[in-house]
Amino acid sequence: MRLDKFLRISGIIKRRTVAKDVALAGRIEIDGRPAKASSEVRPGQQVTLNLGRKTATYEILRVPEGAVRKEERDDLVRLTLERIDPDW
């Protein structure tokens, strides 16, 4: 599944176009490497988002085949690290 679509389905980013823009700005990494919106994601990968003041790293637990209900979103990713810069 594409990175931008996965971020939308998992609820990490609310809109797919926003996920695409963040990736184009170079603020998303997969396993420590810069990622494009079209990058494929797989279970076990680490996705790091730098959203200005907040930096968060998620581990992909499962990649769904299609649509996911809101109640099932927590089964897709696990937050492994979150850092908020107080001086930003």
Protein backbone atom coordinates (compact mmCIF):
# COMPACT_ATOMS: atom_id res chain seq x y z
CA MET A 1 0.00 0.00 0.00
CA ARG A 2 1.21 3.53 -0.74
CA LEU A 3 2.56 5.54 2.19
CA ASP A 4 0.14 8.45 1.76
CA LYS A 5 -2.86 6.12 1.65
CA PHE A 6 -1.64 4.17 4.68
CA LEU A 7 -1.17 7.34 6.74
CA ARG A 8 -4.74 8.36 5.89
CA ILE A 9 -6.29 4.95 6.62
CA SER A 10 -4.39 4.57 9.90
CA GLY A 11 -5.53 8.03 11.05
CA ILE A 12 -2.02 9.40 11.56
CA ILE A 13 -2.71 12.17 9.03
CA LYS A 14 -6.28 13.24 8.31
CA ARG A 15 -6.06 13.78 4.54
CA ARG A 16 -4.14 11.95 1.84
CA THR A 17 -3.16 15.21 0.12
CA VAL A 18 -1.65 16.48 3.37
CA ALA A 19 0.35 13.23 3.67
CA LYS A 20 1.58 13.75 0.12
CA ASP A 21 2.62 17.34 0.84
CA VAL A 22 4.48 16.30 4.00
CA ALA A 23 6.33 13.59 2.07
CA LEU A 24 7.23 16.05 -0.72
CA ALA A 25 8.69 18.37 1.92
CA GLY A 26 11.01 15.55 3.02
CA ARG A 27 9.49 15.23 6.49
CA ILE A 28 8.70 11.51 6.39
CA GLU A 29 11.23 8.71 6.70
CA ILE A 30 10.82 4.95 6.43
CA ASP A 31 13.51 3.02 8.31
CA GLY A 32 15.70 6.14 8.42
CA ARG A 33 15.49 6.95 4.70
CA PRO A 34 13.49 9.81 3.14
CA ALA A 35 10.21 8.50 1.73
CA LYS A 36 8.00 9.54 -1.14
CA ALA A 37 4.20 9.49 -0.97
CA SER A 38 4.24 6.57 -3.39
CA SER A 39 6.60 4.44 -1.27
CA GLU A 40 5.25 1.01 -0.43
CA VAL A 41 4.85 0.18 3.27
CA ARG A 42 5.18 -3.25 4.87
CA PRO A 43 4.67 -4.59 8.39
CA GLY A 44 7.70 -4.14 10.62
CA GLN A 45 8.85 -0.87 9.08
CA GLN A 46 9.45 2.26 11.18
CA VAL A 47 7.81 5.45 9.87
CA THR A 48 9.07 8.76 11.30
CA LEU A 49 7.12 11.98 10.79
CA ASN A 50 8.64 15.38 11.51
CA LEU A 51 5.73 17.78 11.83
CA GLY A 52 7.58 20.86 13.03
CA ARG A 53 7.25 20.90 16.79
CA LYS A 54 6.35 17.21 17.01
CA THR A 55 8.36 14.23 15.83
CA ALA A 56 6.77 10.79 16.06
CA THR A 57 7.91 7.30 15.11
CA TYR A 58 5.42 4.53 14.42
CA GLU A 59 5.93 0.83 13.83
CA ILE A 60 3.69 -0.64 11.15
CA LEU A 61 1.96 -3.70 12.58
CA ARG A 62 -0.41 -4.54 9.75
CA VAL A 63 -1.18 -3.25 6.26
CA PRO A 64 -4.89 -3.60 5.44
CA GLU A 65 -6.25 -4.79 2.12
CA GLY A 66 -9.02 -2.20 1.96
CA ALA A 67 -11.01 0.18 4.14
CA VAL A 68 -10.63 0.01 7.92
CA ARG A 69 -13.16 0.95 10.58
CA LYS A 70 -12.15 3.58 13.12
CA GLU A 71 -12.18 1.01 15.90
CA GLU A 72 -9.58 -1.08 14.05
CA ARG A 73 -7.06 1.72 13.42
CA ASP A 74 -5.11 0.98 16.60
CA ASP A 75 -4.26 -2.46 15.21
CA LEU A 76 -2.37 -0.94 12.25
CA VAL A 77 0.39 1.03 13.99
CA ARG A 78 2.09 1.40 17.35
CA LEU A 79 3.61 4.67 18.53
CA THR A 80 7.19 3.90 19.54
CA LEU A 81 8.61 7.39 20.06
CA GLU A 82 7.13 10.86 20.39
CA ARG A 83 9.11 14.01 20.97
CA ILE A 84 7.73 17.52 21.34
CA ASP A 85 10.17 20.41 21.15
CA PRO A 86 9.22 22.97 23.82
CA ASP A 87 11.38 25.70 22.24
CA TRP A 88 9.78 25.55 18.82
